[in-house]
């Protein structure tokens, strides 16, 4: 059974942290079940189909107008 791991990147822009989190999620997705937590309308959310097209990664998109994400 694959372990479950979350990768969290709540930044809205395209920079080093965002690209590193994408790379980490892709690398880990071969061996673990990845849930990527990203901010709504961010670079990660807008480009997820492009960056993760051959990876089995689920997404949890956080809208900071809604505080329900704190109940993870």
N, C-alpha and C. Protein backbone atom coordinates (compact mmCIF):
# COMPACT_ATOMS: atom_id res chain seq x y z
N UNK A 1 0.84 -1.19 0.00
CA UNK A 1 0.00 0.00 0.00
C UNK A 1 0.89 1.25 0.00
N UNK A 2 0.56 2.17 -0.86
CA UNK A 2 1.33 3.41 -0.95
C UNK A 2 1.02 4.32 0.24
N UNK A 3 2.06 4.96 0.76
CA UNK A 3 1.89 5.94 1.82
C UNK A 3 1.23 7.19 1.24
N UNK A 4 0.56 7.95 2.09
CA UNK A 4 -0.09 9.19 1.67
C UNK A 4 0.78 10.37 2.11
N UNK A 5 1.00 11.30 1.19
CA UNK A 5 1.83 12.46 1.45
C UNK A 5 1.18 13.70 0.85
N UNK A 6 1.23 14.81 1.57
CA UNK A 6 0.72 16.08 1.05
C UNK A 6 1.90 17.00 0.74
N UNK A 7 1.82 17.66 -0.40
CA UNK A 7 2.76 18.71 -0.77
C UNK A 7 1.95 20.00 -0.75
N UNK A 8 2.42 20.98 0.00
CA UNK A 8 1.67 22.23 0.18
C UNK A 8 2.47 23.39 -0.39
N UNK A 9 1.83 24.15 -1.27
CA UNK A 9 2.42 25.38 -1.78
C UNK A 9 1.29 26.39 -1.94
N UNK A 10 1.25 27.37 -1.06
CA UNK A 10 0.15 28.34 -1.04
C UNK A 10 0.51 29.67 -1.67
N UNK A 11 1.58 29.70 -2.43
CA UNK A 11 1.99 30.91 -3.13
C UNK A 11 1.18 31.05 -4.41
N UNK A 12 0.98 32.29 -4.85
CA UNK A 12 0.22 32.54 -6.07
C UNK A 12 1.08 32.67 -7.32
N UNK A 13 2.38 32.86 -7.17
CA UNK A 13 3.22 33.21 -8.30
C UNK A 13 4.05 32.03 -8.80
N UNK A 14 4.84 32.29 -9.84
CA UNK A 14 5.72 31.28 -10.43
C UNK A 14 7.15 31.63 -10.04
N UNK A 15 7.68 30.87 -9.10
CA UNK A 15 9.05 31.12 -8.66
C UNK A 15 9.72 29.82 -8.25
N UNK A 16 10.82 29.95 -7.54
CA UNK A 16 11.59 28.77 -7.15
C UNK A 16 10.85 27.81 -6.25
N UNK A 17 10.12 28.33 -5.26
CA UNK A 17 9.39 27.46 -4.35
C UNK A 17 8.30 26.69 -5.08
N UNK A 18 7.62 27.35 -5.98
CA UNK A 18 6.55 26.69 -6.72
C UNK A 18 7.10 25.60 -7.64
N UNK A 19 8.17 25.91 -8.35
CA UNK A 19 8.77 24.91 -9.24
C UNK A 19 9.36 23.74 -8.46
N UNK A 20 9.94 24.03 -7.29
CA UNK A 20 10.49 22.96 -6.45
C UNK A 20 9.38 22.05 -5.92
N UNK A 21 8.24 22.63 -5.54
CA UNK A 21 7.14 21.81 -5.03
C UNK A 21 6.53 20.96 -6.14
N UNK A 22 6.48 21.47 -7.36
CA UNK A 22 6.01 20.69 -8.51
C UNK A 22 6.95 19.52 -8.76
N UNK A 23 8.24 19.79 -8.75
CA UNK A 23 9.23 18.73 -8.98
C UNK A 23 9.16 17.67 -7.88
N UNK A 24 9.04 18.10 -6.63
CA UNK A 24 8.94 17.16 -5.51
C UNK A 24 7.70 16.28 -5.64
N UNK A 25 6.57 16.88 -5.95
CA UNK A 25 5.33 16.11 -6.08
C UNK A 25 5.44 15.08 -7.21
N UNK A 26 6.01 15.48 -8.32
CA UNK A 26 6.17 14.53 -9.44
C UNK A 26 7.10 13.39 -9.06
N UNK A 27 8.21 13.68 -8.39
CA UNK A 27 9.14 12.64 -7.98
C UNK A 27 8.50 11.67 -6.99
N UNK A 28 7.81 12.20 -6.00
CA UNK A 28 7.19 11.36 -4.98
C UNK A 28 6.00 10.57 -5.50
N UNK A 29 5.35 11.05 -6.55
CA UNK A 29 4.13 10.39 -7.04
C UNK A 29 4.39 8.99 -7.57
N UNK A 30 5.64 8.66 -7.87
CA UNK A 30 5.97 7.30 -8.31
C UNK A 30 5.87 6.30 -7.17
N UNK A 31 6.10 6.75 -5.94
CA UNK A 31 6.17 5.84 -4.80
C UNK A 31 5.11 6.07 -3.74
N UNK A 32 4.45 7.23 -3.74
CA UNK A 32 3.46 7.54 -2.72
C UNK A 32 2.22 8.15 -3.36
N UNK A 33 1.13 8.14 -2.60
CA UNK A 33 -0.10 8.82 -3.04
C UNK A 33 0.03 10.28 -2.64
N UNK A 34 0.06 11.18 -3.62
CA UNK A 34 0.28 12.61 -3.37
C UNK A 34 -1.02 13.39 -3.45
N UNK A 35 -1.25 14.23 -2.45
CA UNK A 35 -2.28 15.26 -2.51
C UNK A 35 -1.56 16.59 -2.50
N UNK A 36 -1.79 17.37 -3.53
CA UNK A 36 -1.15 18.68 -3.66
C UNK A 36 -2.14 19.73 -3.17
N UNK A 37 -1.74 20.50 -2.18
CA UNK A 37 -2.59 21.56 -1.64
C UNK A 37 -2.07 22.88 -2.18
N UNK A 38 -2.93 23.58 -2.91
CA UNK A 38 -2.53 24.83 -3.56
C UNK A 38 -3.61 25.90 -3.38
N UNK A 39 -3.21 27.13 -3.54
CA UNK A 39 -4.12 28.27 -3.42
C UNK A 39 -4.95 28.43 -4.69
N UNK A 40 -6.21 28.80 -4.51
CA UNK A 40 -7.11 29.03 -5.64
C UNK A 40 -6.58 30.16 -6.52
N UNK A 41 -6.68 29.97 -7.83
CA UNK A 41 -6.23 30.94 -8.84
C UNK A 41 -4.73 31.19 -8.81
N UNK A 42 -3.97 30.22 -8.35
CA UNK A 42 -2.52 30.36 -8.29
C UNK A 42 -1.88 29.77 -9.54
N UNK A 43 -0.59 29.99 -9.67
CA UNK A 43 0.18 29.40 -10.77
C UNK A 43 0.03 27.88 -10.77
N UNK A 44 0.11 27.27 -9.60
CA UNK A 44 0.01 25.80 -9.49
C UNK A 44 -1.35 25.32 -9.99
N UNK A 45 -2.42 25.95 -9.53
CA UNK A 45 -3.75 25.52 -9.96
C UNK A 45 -3.95 25.74 -11.46
N UNK A 46 -3.54 26.89 -11.95
CA UNK A 46 -3.76 27.22 -13.35
C UNK A 46 -2.95 26.36 -14.31
N UNK A 47 -1.80 25.84 -13.88
CA UNK A 47 -0.92 25.04 -14.74
C UNK A 47 -0.86 23.57 -14.35
N UNK A 48 -1.76 23.11 -13.47
CA UNK A 48 -1.66 21.73 -12.97
C UNK A 48 -1.78 20.69 -14.07
N UNK A 49 -2.62 20.92 -15.06
CA UNK A 49 -2.75 19.94 -16.15
C UNK A 49 -1.46 19.85 -16.96
N UNK A 50 -0.79 20.95 -17.12
CA UNK A 50 0.47 20.98 -17.87
C UNK A 50 1.62 20.31 -17.10
N UNK A 51 1.73 20.62 -15.83
CA UNK A 51 2.85 20.14 -15.03
C UNK A 51 2.68 18.70 -14.54
N UNK A 52 1.43 18.24 -14.42
CA UNK A 52 1.19 16.92 -13.82
C UNK A 52 0.44 15.98 -14.76
N UNK A 53 0.57 16.16 -16.07
CA UNK A 53 -0.26 15.39 -17.01
C UNK A 53 0.01 13.89 -16.97
N UNK A 54 1.18 13.43 -16.61
CA UNK A 54 1.48 12.00 -16.56
C UNK A 54 1.63 11.49 -15.13
N UNK A 55 1.13 12.24 -14.16
CA UNK A 55 1.27 11.87 -12.75
C UNK A 55 -0.11 11.66 -12.12
N UNK A 56 -0.15 10.71 -11.21
CA UNK A 56 -1.39 10.48 -10.46
C UNK A 56 -1.30 11.27 -9.16
N UNK A 57 -1.81 12.50 -9.22
CA UNK A 57 -1.77 13.40 -8.08
C UNK A 57 -3.16 13.99 -7.90
N UNK A 58 -3.66 13.95 -6.67
CA UNK A 58 -4.95 14.60 -6.40
C UNK A 58 -4.68 16.01 -5.87
N UNK A 59 -5.66 16.86 -6.02
CA UNK A 59 -5.49 18.27 -5.64
C UNK A 59 -6.54 18.69 -4.64
N UNK A 60 -6.12 19.53 -3.71
CA UNK A 60 -7.02 20.20 -2.78
C UNK A 60 -6.73 21.68 -2.94
N UNK A 61 -7.69 22.41 -3.48
CA UNK A 61 -7.51 23.83 -3.76
C UNK A 61 -8.12 24.65 -2.63
N UNK A 62 -7.31 25.54 -2.05
CA UNK A 62 -7.72 26.33 -0.90
C UNK A 62 -8.16 27.71 -1.36
N UNK A 63 -9.37 28.08 -0.93
CA UNK A 63 -9.87 29.44 -1.15
C UNK A 63 -9.83 30.13 0.20
N UNK A 64 -9.01 31.13 0.35
CA UNK A 64 -8.84 31.75 1.65
C UNK A 64 -10.06 32.53 2.12
N UNK A 65 -11.08 32.64 1.29
CA UNK A 65 -12.33 33.23 1.72
C UNK A 65 -13.12 32.24 2.58
N UNK A 66 -12.73 30.98 2.48
CA UNK A 66 -13.40 29.91 3.21
C UNK A 66 -12.39 29.29 4.18
N UNK A 67 -12.68 29.28 5.45
CA UNK A 67 -11.73 28.77 6.44
C UNK A 67 -11.86 27.27 6.67
N UNK A 68 -12.68 26.57 5.90
CA UNK A 68 -12.87 25.13 6.12
C UNK A 68 -11.61 24.32 5.86
N UNK A 69 -10.65 24.85 5.11
CA UNK A 69 -9.42 24.11 4.85
C UNK A 69 -8.63 23.87 6.13
N UNK A 70 -8.89 24.65 7.18
CA UNK A 70 -8.17 24.45 8.42
C UNK A 70 -8.57 23.16 9.12
N UNK A 71 -9.63 22.52 8.67
CA UNK A 71 -10.11 21.28 9.27
C UNK A 71 -9.51 20.06 8.62
N UNK A 72 -8.45 20.20 7.84
CA UNK A 72 -7.80 19.08 7.20
C UNK A 72 -7.42 18.06 8.26
